[in-house]
N, C-alpha and C. Protein backbone atom coordinates (compact mmCIF):
# COMPACT_ATOMS: atom_id res chain seq x y z
N MET A 1 96.79 105.15 88.39
CA MET A 1 97.14 105.46 89.88
C MET A 1 97.79 106.68 90.21
N ALA A 2 97.86 106.60 91.04
CA ALA A 2 98.19 108.04 91.88
C ALA A 2 98.20 107.12 93.52
N ALA A 3 98.87 108.47 94.11
CA ALA A 3 99.50 108.71 95.64
C ALA A 3 99.34 110.23 96.06
N TYR A 4 98.60 110.15 97.50
CA TYR A 4 98.24 111.65 97.81
C TYR A 4 98.61 111.55 99.27
N ASP A 5 99.10 112.67 99.84
CA ASP A 5 100.32 113.00 100.38
C ASP A 5 98.92 113.97 101.64
N PRO A 6 98.57 113.75 102.17
CA PRO A 6 97.87 114.64 103.55
C PRO A 6 98.09 115.21 103.45
N ALA A 7 99.66 115.24 104.23
CA ALA A 7 100.24 116.86 104.49
C ALA A 7 100.22 117.86 104.03
N THR A 8 100.24 117.86 102.59
CA THR A 8 100.17 118.84 102.15
C THR A 8 98.83 118.37 100.60
N GLY A 9 97.76 117.45 100.96
CA GLY A 9 96.74 117.58 99.58
C GLY A 9 97.21 117.23 98.16
N ALA A 10 98.63 117.10 98.25
CA ALA A 10 98.92 116.69 96.81
C ALA A 10 98.62 115.71 96.17
N LEU A 11 98.32 115.13 94.97
CA LEU A 11 98.42 114.02 94.53
C LEU A 11 99.13 114.01 93.29
N TYR A 12 99.80 112.48 93.09
CA TYR A 12 100.77 112.26 92.27
C TYR A 12 100.61 111.61 91.43
N GLY A 13 100.17 111.09 90.09
CA GLY A 13 99.25 110.38 89.31
C GLY A 13 100.24 109.72 87.99
N HIS A 14 100.15 108.36 88.20
CA HIS A 14 100.92 107.92 87.02
C HIS A 14 100.22 106.99 86.30
N LEU A 15 99.90 107.49 84.66
CA LEU A 15 99.17 107.39 84.12
C LEU A 15 99.63 106.11 83.34
N HIS A 16 99.20 104.45 83.25
CA HIS A 16 99.01 103.62 82.56
C HIS A 16 98.07 102.55 81.75
N ASP A 17 98.42 102.15 80.76
CA ASP A 17 97.44 100.93 80.37
C ASP A 17 97.38 100.02 80.81
N ARG A 18 98.33 99.62 82.10
CA ARG A 18 98.04 98.19 82.68
C ARG A 18 98.61 98.23 84.58
N LYS A 19 98.34 97.86 85.36
CA LYS A 19 98.19 97.72 86.69
C LYS A 19 99.10 97.05 87.31
N THR A 20 100.05 96.41 86.76
CA THR A 20 100.98 95.45 87.71
C THR A 20 101.90 95.83 88.54
N TRP A 21 102.45 94.80 89.31
CA TRP A 21 103.56 95.55 90.35
C TRP A 21 104.94 96.14 89.88
N ARG A 22 104.47 96.14 88.43
CA ARG A 22 106.18 96.67 87.68
C ARG A 22 105.62 98.29 87.52
N GLU A 23 104.34 98.76 87.83
CA GLU A 23 104.09 100.16 86.72
C GLU A 23 103.31 100.58 88.42
N ILE A 24 103.54 99.89 89.67
CA ILE A 24 103.48 99.98 91.31
C ILE A 24 104.73 100.51 91.54
N ARG A 25 104.95 99.54 91.27
CA ARG A 25 106.93 100.11 91.63
C ARG A 25 107.28 101.51 91.38
N GLU A 26 107.09 101.58 90.23
CA GLU A 26 107.47 102.68 89.19
C GLU A 26 106.94 104.34 89.79
N LEU A 27 105.46 103.69 90.36
CA LEU A 27 104.63 105.06 90.85
C LEU A 27 105.81 105.34 92.46
N LEU A 28 106.23 104.54 93.42
CA LEU A 28 106.59 104.34 94.34
C LEU A 28 108.20 104.74 94.11
N ARG A 29 108.78 104.03 93.34
CA ARG A 29 110.00 104.65 93.04
C ARG A 29 109.73 106.07 92.97
N SER A 30 109.16 107.13 92.36
CA SER A 30 108.78 108.48 91.80
C SER A 30 108.39 109.20 93.36
N LEU A 31 107.76 107.99 94.39
CA LEU A 31 107.84 109.45 95.44
C LEU A 31 109.09 108.72 96.32
N ARG A 32 109.49 107.62 96.44
CA ARG A 32 110.82 107.56 96.89
C ARG A 32 111.58 108.81 96.21
N ALA A 33 111.37 109.26 94.79
CA ALA A 33 112.77 110.48 94.96
C ALA A 33 112.50 111.65 95.43
N ARG A 34 111.33 111.86 95.09
CA ARG A 34 110.41 112.69 96.15
C ARG A 34 110.21 113.03 97.63
N PHE A 35 110.04 112.25 98.02
CA PHE A 35 110.25 112.01 99.84
C PHE A 35 111.73 111.58 100.37
N SER A 36 112.11 111.99 101.19
CA SER A 36 113.59 111.63 101.57
C SER A 36 113.69 110.35 103.14
N GLU A 37 112.21 110.95 103.80
CA GLU A 37 111.88 110.46 104.79
C GLU A 37 111.25 108.90 104.69
N HIS A 38 110.88 108.02 105.66
CA HIS A 38 110.69 106.81 105.59
C HIS A 38 108.98 106.81 104.89
N LEU A 39 108.66 106.40 103.72
CA LEU A 39 107.73 106.23 103.48
C LEU A 39 106.04 105.22 104.27
N ILE A 40 105.16 105.52 104.40
CA ILE A 40 103.55 104.69 104.67
C ILE A 40 102.90 104.98 103.83
N VAL A 41 102.99 103.82 102.67
CA VAL A 41 101.83 103.57 101.91
C VAL A 41 100.36 102.55 102.11
N VAL A 42 99.24 103.58 102.06
CA VAL A 42 97.99 103.15 102.58
C VAL A 42 97.64 102.33 100.83
N LEU A 43 97.77 100.88 100.56
CA LEU A 43 96.38 100.60 99.43
C LEU A 43 95.90 99.72 99.82
N ASP A 44 94.69 99.29 99.13
CA ASP A 44 93.89 98.29 99.69
C ASP A 44 94.33 96.93 98.93
N ASN A 45 93.48 95.60 98.90
CA ASN A 45 94.57 94.06 98.62
C ASN A 45 94.30 94.05 97.20
N PHE A 46 94.07 94.99 96.07
CA PHE A 46 94.86 94.16 95.14
C PHE A 46 95.70 93.20 94.59
N SER A 47 95.85 92.59 93.84
CA SER A 47 96.89 91.05 94.09
C SER A 47 98.24 92.14 93.98
N PRO A 48 98.63 92.96 92.77
CA PRO A 48 100.01 93.40 92.70
C PRO A 48 100.41 94.13 94.05
N HIS A 49 99.45 94.22 94.31
CA HIS A 49 100.48 94.94 95.77
C HIS A 49 101.19 94.09 96.60
N LYS A 50 101.02 93.41 96.72
CA LYS A 50 101.09 92.10 97.53
C LYS A 50 102.63 91.14 97.20
N LYS A 51 102.11 91.17 95.72
CA LYS A 51 103.57 90.66 94.96
C LYS A 51 105.04 90.50 96.20
N THR A 52 105.43 90.02 95.43
CA THR A 52 106.60 89.41 96.49
C THR A 52 107.89 90.09 96.33
N GLU A 53 108.14 90.29 94.79
CA GLU A 53 109.11 91.03 94.09
C GLU A 53 108.18 92.67 94.57
N LEU A 54 107.77 93.11 94.78
CA LEU A 54 107.23 94.43 95.35
C LEU A 54 107.55 94.25 96.60
N GLN A 55 106.95 93.44 97.33
CA GLN A 55 107.02 93.48 98.97
C GLN A 55 108.98 93.57 99.23
N ALA A 56 109.61 93.15 98.25
CA ALA A 56 111.42 93.28 98.80
C ALA A 56 111.83 94.77 98.02
N TRP A 57 111.28 94.95 97.04
CA TRP A 57 111.89 96.32 96.62
C TRP A 57 111.46 97.31 97.59
N VAL A 58 110.36 97.30 98.17
CA VAL A 58 109.66 98.40 99.06
C VAL A 58 110.50 98.47 100.31
N ALA A 59 110.31 96.49 100.71
CA ALA A 59 111.97 96.68 102.19
C ALA A 59 113.08 97.47 102.05
N GLU A 60 113.39 97.58 101.00
CA GLU A 60 115.00 97.70 100.45
C GLU A 60 115.38 98.92 100.30
N HIS A 61 113.67 99.64 99.84
CA HIS A 61 114.05 101.52 100.09
C HIS A 61 113.14 102.35 101.41
N ASP A 62 112.72 101.59 102.54
CA ASP A 62 112.46 101.73 103.65
C ASP A 62 111.03 102.49 103.72
N ILE A 63 110.66 101.63 102.36
CA ILE A 63 108.50 102.59 102.38
C ILE A 63 108.20 100.98 102.64
N GLU A 64 106.65 101.16 103.82
CA GLU A 64 105.84 100.08 104.75
C GLU A 64 104.43 100.48 103.52
N LEU A 65 104.25 99.46 103.22
CA LEU A 65 102.69 99.64 102.49
C LEU A 65 101.82 98.60 104.07
N VAL A 66 100.75 99.73 103.83
CA VAL A 66 99.63 98.78 104.83
C VAL A 66 98.80 99.13 103.60
N PHE A 67 97.98 97.98 104.19
CA PHE A 67 96.69 97.85 103.52
C PHE A 67 95.21 98.06 103.80
N THR A 68 94.12 98.55 103.85
CA THR A 68 93.13 98.56 104.43
C THR A 68 92.43 97.37 104.41
N PRO A 69 91.70 97.17 105.19
CA PRO A 69 90.67 95.65 105.65
C PRO A 69 90.53 95.49 104.26
N THR A 70 90.30 94.22 104.22
CA THR A 70 88.81 93.84 102.74
C THR A 70 87.78 94.07 102.75
N TYR A 71 87.02 95.03 101.69
CA TYR A 71 86.03 95.81 101.56
C TYR A 71 85.98 96.96 102.45
N SER A 72 87.18 97.97 102.91
CA SER A 72 86.83 99.01 103.31
C SER A 72 87.61 100.37 102.75
N SER A 73 88.05 99.84 101.41
CA SER A 73 88.78 100.51 100.95
C SER A 73 88.97 101.97 100.86
N TRP A 74 87.34 102.67 101.20
CA TRP A 74 87.43 103.74 102.07
C TRP A 74 87.50 104.14 102.52
N LEU A 75 88.43 103.75 103.78
CA LEU A 75 89.23 104.29 104.93
C LEU A 75 90.79 104.70 103.90
N ASN A 76 90.59 105.01 103.30
CA ASN A 76 91.94 105.41 102.35
C ASN A 76 91.43 106.53 101.78
N LEU A 77 92.19 107.75 102.03
CA LEU A 77 91.85 109.06 101.83
C LEU A 77 92.38 109.43 100.79
N ILE A 78 92.85 108.69 99.83
CA ILE A 78 92.64 108.89 98.03
C ILE A 78 91.51 108.76 97.47
N GLU A 79 90.99 107.84 98.00
CA GLU A 79 89.20 107.25 97.54
C GLU A 79 88.30 108.65 96.84
N CYS A 80 88.79 109.25 97.93
CA CYS A 80 87.79 110.78 98.15
C CYS A 80 88.32 111.47 96.92
N GLN A 81 89.72 112.19 97.00
CA GLN A 81 90.50 111.97 96.06
C GLN A 81 89.86 111.60 94.51
N PHE A 82 89.94 110.69 93.99
CA PHE A 82 89.76 109.75 93.08
C PHE A 82 87.74 110.12 92.91
N GLN A 83 87.00 110.71 93.56
CA GLN A 83 86.25 110.53 93.27
C GLN A 83 85.65 111.96 92.65
N ALA A 84 86.83 113.13 93.13
CA ALA A 84 86.80 114.41 93.11
C ALA A 84 87.48 113.92 91.24
N LEU A 85 88.39 113.60 90.93
CA LEU A 85 88.96 113.38 89.60
C LEU A 85 88.38 112.86 88.71
N ARG A 86 87.00 111.51 89.24
CA ARG A 86 85.82 111.63 88.16
C ARG A 86 84.88 112.35 88.13
N SER A 87 84.47 113.13 89.38
CA SER A 87 84.09 113.97 88.64
C SER A 87 84.41 115.33 87.75
N PHE A 88 84.95 115.76 87.78
CA PHE A 88 85.58 116.95 86.83
C PHE A 88 86.09 116.49 85.99
N ALA A 89 87.15 115.41 85.39
CA ALA A 89 87.75 114.83 84.54
C ALA A 89 86.88 114.16 83.63
N LEU A 90 86.19 113.29 83.87
CA LEU A 90 85.84 111.56 83.57
C LEU A 90 83.96 111.38 83.32
N ASN A 91 83.48 112.20 84.39
CA ASN A 91 82.01 112.35 84.01
C ASN A 91 81.86 113.01 82.78
N GLY A 92 80.26 112.48 82.17
CA GLY A 92 79.68 112.41 81.15
C GLY A 92 81.08 113.38 80.12
N SER A 93 81.49 112.28 79.63
CA SER A 93 83.02 112.64 78.54
C SER A 93 83.01 112.19 77.91
N ASP A 94 83.54 112.14 76.31
CA ASP A 94 83.58 111.33 75.77
C ASP A 94 85.23 111.55 75.16
N TYR A 95 86.20 111.31 75.24
CA TYR A 95 87.66 111.86 74.87
C TYR A 95 87.25 110.84 73.24
N PRO A 96 88.17 111.71 72.48
CA PRO A 96 88.38 110.78 71.29
C PRO A 96 89.48 110.17 71.33
N THR A 97 90.28 109.74 72.31
CA THR A 97 91.63 108.84 72.56
C THR A 97 92.17 109.15 73.67
N HIS A 98 92.30 108.08 74.14
CA HIS A 98 93.02 107.36 75.87
C HIS A 98 94.29 108.84 75.86
N ALA A 99 94.43 109.59 74.85
CA ALA A 99 95.26 109.90 75.41
C ALA A 99 94.92 112.06 75.59
N ASP A 100 93.68 111.69 75.18
CA ASP A 100 92.79 112.98 74.95
C ASP A 100 92.37 112.72 77.09
N GLN A 101 91.85 111.98 77.08
CA GLN A 101 91.39 111.80 78.09
C GLN A 101 93.14 111.21 79.58
N ASP A 102 94.14 111.08 78.87
CA ASP A 102 95.07 110.96 80.24
C ASP A 102 95.46 112.69 80.22
N ALA A 103 94.84 113.60 79.64
CA ALA A 103 95.95 115.04 79.41
C ALA A 103 94.31 115.67 79.88
N ALA A 104 93.40 115.27 80.31
CA ALA A 104 91.91 115.92 80.88
C ALA A 104 92.34 115.73 82.87
N ILE A 105 93.35 114.30 82.76
CA ILE A 105 93.50 113.67 83.73
C ILE A 105 94.53 114.80 84.23
N ARG A 106 95.69 114.66 83.88
CA ARG A 106 96.77 115.94 84.07
C ARG A 106 96.60 117.44 84.48
N ALA A 107 95.38 117.52 83.63
CA ALA A 107 95.14 118.81 83.97
C ALA A 107 94.64 118.65 85.25
N TYR A 108 93.30 117.95 85.78
CA TYR A 108 93.21 118.44 86.54
C TYR A 108 93.80 118.57 87.62
N LEU A 109 94.90 116.57 87.86
CA LEU A 109 95.93 117.10 89.01
C LEU A 109 96.49 118.55 88.56
N ARG A 110 96.31 119.38 88.26
CA ARG A 110 97.91 120.72 87.75
C ARG A 110 96.20 121.17 88.75
N TRP A 111 95.85 121.24 88.80
CA TRP A 111 94.68 122.40 88.76
C TRP A 111 94.05 121.78 90.43
N HIS A 112 94.49 120.34 91.18
CA HIS A 112 94.66 119.96 92.65
C HIS A 112 95.60 120.62 92.88
N ASN A 113 96.83 119.95 92.28
CA ASN A 113 97.95 120.82 93.32
C ASN A 113 98.46 122.21 93.46
N ARG A 114 97.47 123.03 92.58
CA ARG A 114 97.92 124.41 92.31
C ARG A 114 97.59 124.70 93.89
N ASN A 115 95.92 123.93 93.79
CA ASN A 115 95.12 124.75 95.18
C ASN A 115 94.76 123.67 96.01
N ALA A 116 96.11 122.46 96.15
CA ALA A 116 96.20 121.46 97.23
C ALA A 116 95.77 122.46 99.07
N ARG A 117 95.48 121.65 99.24
CA ARG A 117 95.34 122.49 100.62
C ARG A 117 96.01 121.27 102.00
N PRO A 118 96.43 121.14 102.89
CA PRO A 118 96.48 119.81 103.81
C PRO A 118 95.18 119.04 104.23
N ALA A 119 95.83 117.67 104.70
CA ALA A 119 93.79 117.47 105.09
C ALA A 119 93.80 117.65 106.32
N LYS A 120 92.27 117.58 106.42
CA LYS A 120 92.17 117.42 108.11
C LYS A 120 92.43 116.48 108.93
N PRO A 121 92.96 116.21 110.20
CA PRO A 121 93.32 115.31 110.56
C PRO A 121 91.90 115.15 110.89
N TRP A 122 91.48 113.57 111.06
CA TRP A 122 90.51 113.15 111.24
C TRP A 122 90.14 112.32 113.12
N ARG A 123 89.56 112.34 113.86
CA ARG A 123 90.04 111.73 115.19
C ARG A 123 88.92 111.35 116.07
N LEU A 124 88.10 110.49 116.29
CA LEU A 124 86.94 109.80 116.49
C LEU A 124 87.28 110.47 118.29
N ASN A 125 86.66 111.49 118.49
CA ASN A 125 86.53 111.91 119.64
C ASN A 125 85.14 111.33 120.88
N ALA A 126 85.08 109.93 121.26
CA ALA A 126 83.96 109.65 121.67
C ALA A 126 83.01 110.46 122.46
N ALA A 127 83.23 111.40 123.45
CA ALA A 127 83.16 112.20 124.20
C ALA A 127 82.14 113.24 123.63
N GLU A 128 81.80 113.49 122.10
CA GLU A 128 81.46 113.98 121.08
C GLU A 128 80.48 113.48 120.35
N LEU A 129 80.10 112.47 120.98
CA LEU A 129 79.11 111.52 120.12
C LEU A 129 78.09 112.24 120.73
N ARG A 130 77.18 111.60 120.02
CA ARG A 130 75.87 112.05 120.06
C ARG A 130 74.39 111.54 119.43
N CYS A 131 75.11 110.42 119.15
CA CYS A 131 73.69 109.68 118.96
C CYS A 131 74.28 107.78 118.99
N PRO A 132 72.85 107.14 119.12
CA PRO A 132 73.09 105.74 119.43
C PRO A 132 74.30 104.99 118.77
N VAL A 133 75.45 104.35 119.41
CA VAL A 133 76.29 103.78 119.03
C VAL A 133 75.82 102.29 119.40
N LEU A 134 75.81 100.99 118.54
CA LEU A 134 75.99 99.55 118.74
C LEU A 134 77.42 99.32 117.75
N ALA A 135 78.37 99.03 118.53
CA ALA A 135 79.90 98.89 117.85
C ALA A 135 80.24 97.33 118.20
N VAL A 136 79.94 96.36 117.03
CA VAL A 136 80.24 94.77 116.92
C VAL A 136 81.33 94.49 116.79
N GLY A 137 81.94 94.23 117.42
CA GLY A 137 83.34 93.55 117.12
C GLY A 137 83.60 91.48 116.79
N GLY A 138 84.84 91.25 116.67
CA GLY A 138 84.59 89.91 116.49
C GLY A 138 85.75 89.31 117.54
N ALA A 139 85.56 88.39 118.78
CA ALA A 139 87.03 88.46 119.38
C ALA A 139 88.17 87.61 119.00
N LEU A 140 88.56 87.33 117.50
CA LEU A 140 88.81 86.85 117.16
C LEU A 140 89.62 87.70 115.85
N ASP A 141 88.90 88.94 116.26
CA ASP A 141 89.92 90.10 115.19
C ASP A 141 91.03 90.49 115.95
N LEU A 142 91.68 91.77 115.28
CA LEU A 142 92.68 92.54 116.53
C LEU A 142 92.34 92.99 117.15
N SER A 143 93.17 93.60 118.47
CA SER A 143 92.64 93.32 120.06
C SER A 143 92.40 95.32 119.71
N ASP A 144 92.73 95.69 118.88
CA ASP A 144 92.82 97.16 119.00
C ASP A 144 91.29 97.27 118.11
N VAL A 145 90.29 96.06 117.44
CA VAL A 145 88.93 96.39 117.07
C VAL A 145 88.30 96.36 118.31
N THR A 146 88.72 95.36 118.58
CA THR A 146 88.12 95.08 119.57
C THR A 146 87.69 96.42 121.31
N GLN A 147 88.95 96.69 121.60
CA GLN A 147 89.32 97.79 122.40
C GLN A 147 88.77 98.47 121.70
N ALA A 148 88.62 99.16 120.77
CA ALA A 148 87.72 100.17 120.04
C ALA A 148 86.72 100.17 120.54
N ALA A 149 85.80 98.87 120.67
CA ALA A 149 84.54 98.59 120.66
C ALA A 149 83.72 98.95 122.24
N LEU A 150 85.04 98.58 122.99
CA LEU A 150 84.38 98.67 124.50
C LEU A 150 84.99 100.19 124.61
N HIS A 151 85.94 101.16 124.40
CA HIS A 151 86.09 102.01 124.16
C HIS A 151 84.82 103.20 124.24
N LEU A 152 84.23 102.50 122.69
CA LEU A 152 82.42 103.04 122.38
C LEU A 152 82.57 102.97 123.81
N GLU A 153 81.53 102.22 123.93
CA GLU A 153 80.99 101.72 125.02
C GLU A 153 80.87 102.27 126.07
N ALA A 154 82.17 102.34 126.83
CA ALA A 154 82.58 103.31 127.92
C ALA A 154 82.69 104.83 128.09
N ASN A 155 82.70 104.70 126.97
CA ASN A 155 83.19 107.04 126.49
C ASN A 155 81.36 107.42 125.97
N VAL A 156 80.88 106.48 125.56
CA VAL A 156 79.91 107.41 124.71
C VAL A 156 78.43 106.83 125.49
N PRO A 157 77.32 107.94 126.17
CA PRO A 157 76.37 107.68 126.97
C PRO A 157 75.26 106.83 125.94
N GLY A 158 74.56 105.45 126.33
CA GLY A 158 73.77 105.22 125.95
C GLY A 158 74.25 103.95 124.87
N ALA A 159 75.95 103.91 124.99
CA ALA A 159 76.24 102.96 123.85
C ALA A 159 76.37 101.48 124.04
N ARG A 160 76.67 100.32 122.80
CA ARG A 160 76.92 99.47 123.67
C ARG A 160 77.62 98.54 122.59
N ALA A 161 78.20 97.84 123.58
CA ALA A 161 79.54 97.31 122.57
C ALA A 161 78.94 95.81 122.83
N VAL A 162 79.60 94.76 121.82
CA VAL A 162 78.83 93.33 121.68
C VAL A 162 80.37 92.48 121.11
N VAL A 163 80.80 91.91 121.84
CA VAL A 163 81.97 91.05 121.46
C VAL A 163 82.19 89.68 120.41
N LEU A 164 81.30 89.75 119.54
CA LEU A 164 81.03 87.96 119.01
C LEU A 164 82.36 87.57 118.83
N PRO A 165 81.68 85.65 120.03
CA PRO A 165 83.04 84.57 120.22
C PRO A 165 83.29 84.08 118.67
N ASP A 166 83.52 83.78 118.31
CA ASP A 166 84.33 82.66 117.53
C ASP A 166 84.27 83.32 115.86
N VAL A 167 84.30 84.83 116.19
CA VAL A 167 83.95 85.35 115.21
C VAL A 167 85.71 86.20 114.98
N ALA A 168 85.52 87.02 113.54
CA ALA A 168 87.41 87.59 113.37
C ALA A 168 86.63 89.03 113.27
N HIS A 169 86.94 89.46 111.80
CA HIS A 169 87.31 90.45 110.73
C HIS A 169 85.88 90.82 110.42
N LEU A 170 85.44 89.86 109.64
CA LEU A 170 83.78 89.98 108.73
C LEU A 170 82.93 89.64 109.12
N ILE A 171 81.99 89.95 110.43
CA ILE A 171 81.19 89.71 110.99
C ILE A 171 80.31 89.60 110.23
N ALA A 172 79.77 90.66 109.61
CA ALA A 172 78.42 90.11 108.44
C ALA A 172 78.46 89.52 107.28
N MET A 173 79.81 88.37 107.25
CA MET A 173 79.98 87.48 106.40
C MET A 173 80.25 86.51 107.56
N GLU A 174 80.19 86.17 108.66
CA GLU A 174 80.89 84.94 109.48
C GLU A 174 79.33 84.73 110.51
N ALA A 175 79.06 85.64 110.49
CA ALA A 175 77.84 85.86 111.67
C ALA A 175 76.74 86.38 111.35
N PRO A 176 75.72 86.55 109.65
CA PRO A 176 75.03 87.14 109.77
C PRO A 176 74.00 87.21 110.37
N GLY A 177 73.74 85.94 110.84
CA GLY A 177 72.29 85.91 111.97
C GLY A 177 72.42 86.76 113.03
N GLN A 178 73.81 86.84 113.49
CA GLN A 178 73.56 87.52 114.93
C GLN A 178 74.08 88.58 114.80
N LEU A 179 74.33 89.03 114.03
CA LEU A 179 74.71 90.30 113.70
C LEU A 179 73.10 91.10 113.46
N ALA A 180 72.99 90.64 112.43
CA ALA A 180 70.98 90.59 112.21
C ALA A 180 70.36 90.83 113.53
N ALA A 181 70.79 89.94 114.35
CA ALA A 181 68.95 89.93 115.73
C ALA A 181 70.13 91.15 116.26
N LEU A 182 71.17 91.67 116.35
CA LEU A 182 71.32 92.44 116.93
C LEU A 182 70.90 94.01 116.89
N MET A 183 71.52 94.60 115.22
CA MET A 183 70.80 95.47 114.75
C MET A 183 69.36 95.74 115.09
N ILE A 184 67.98 94.14 114.91
CA ILE A 184 67.20 94.51 114.87
C ILE A 184 66.85 95.10 115.92
N GLY A 185 67.61 94.37 117.25
CA GLY A 185 67.09 94.73 118.73
C GLY A 185 67.40 96.02 118.66
N PHE A 186 68.88 96.65 118.72
CA PHE A 186 69.36 97.63 118.78
C PHE A 186 68.35 98.32 118.54
N LEU A 187 67.96 98.27 117.17
CA LEU A 187 67.36 99.32 116.61
C LEU A 187 65.95 99.70 116.86
N ALA A 188 65.27 98.74 117.33
CA ALA A 188 64.21 98.72 118.60
C ALA A 188 63.98 98.91 120.20
N SER A 189 65.29 99.33 119.96
CA SER A 189 65.62 99.62 121.80
C SER A 189 65.09 101.62 121.54
N LEU A 190 65.66 101.96 120.26
CA LEU A 190 65.92 103.13 120.25
C LEU A 190 64.61 104.38 120.35
N PRO A 191 64.30 105.29 120.74
CA PRO A 191 62.75 105.86 120.80
C PRO A 191 62.76 106.10 119.64
N ARG A 192 60.98 106.53 119.39
CA ARG A 192 60.82 106.28 117.71
C ARG A 192 61.02 107.95 117.47
N TRP A 193 60.90 108.48 116.28
CA TRP A 193 60.93 109.89 116.03
C TRP A 193 58.81 110.30 115.36
N SER A 194 58.50 110.84 116.02
CA SER A 194 57.18 112.02 115.52
C SER A 194 56.42 111.52 114.41
């Protein structure tokens, strides 16, 4: 398990044999000891993250857990860090013991933190988009999602927003036929490359 601080670029790793809510609490406890301000921690929807005991503990310790949407863990900045760790410490390896593997991971974390840089802020500036955009939202999704689709349509030349009625967040699962028809129609409307 690990935590990523986008303000500094530092990684904080905790290696355990298991990943239950107790081990997650230990990582959060170490972060709480390191940072005094209100903590916002972005997590995927792994069930131990939502355990009642963990929820109670974070509420008592001024930590806010924010969950990425289902099937969207890639939105969490730490996922890029995991890829780098895999590439540098694990890919192509054949460590004889777990202790050796753990040592390689810790060595990578030390190297990474010596060379850490703050994450660059990422913001979608609709006015800078120069590509075709089809923004599809569900009417039953959070209003922010629908508003984002409409914002793109209003601010990106040639963009198209579609809000599907009776659909929430998982459009590809809830209305696959409608989504496929929209995408095919949108792609067919684009100028062809010669």
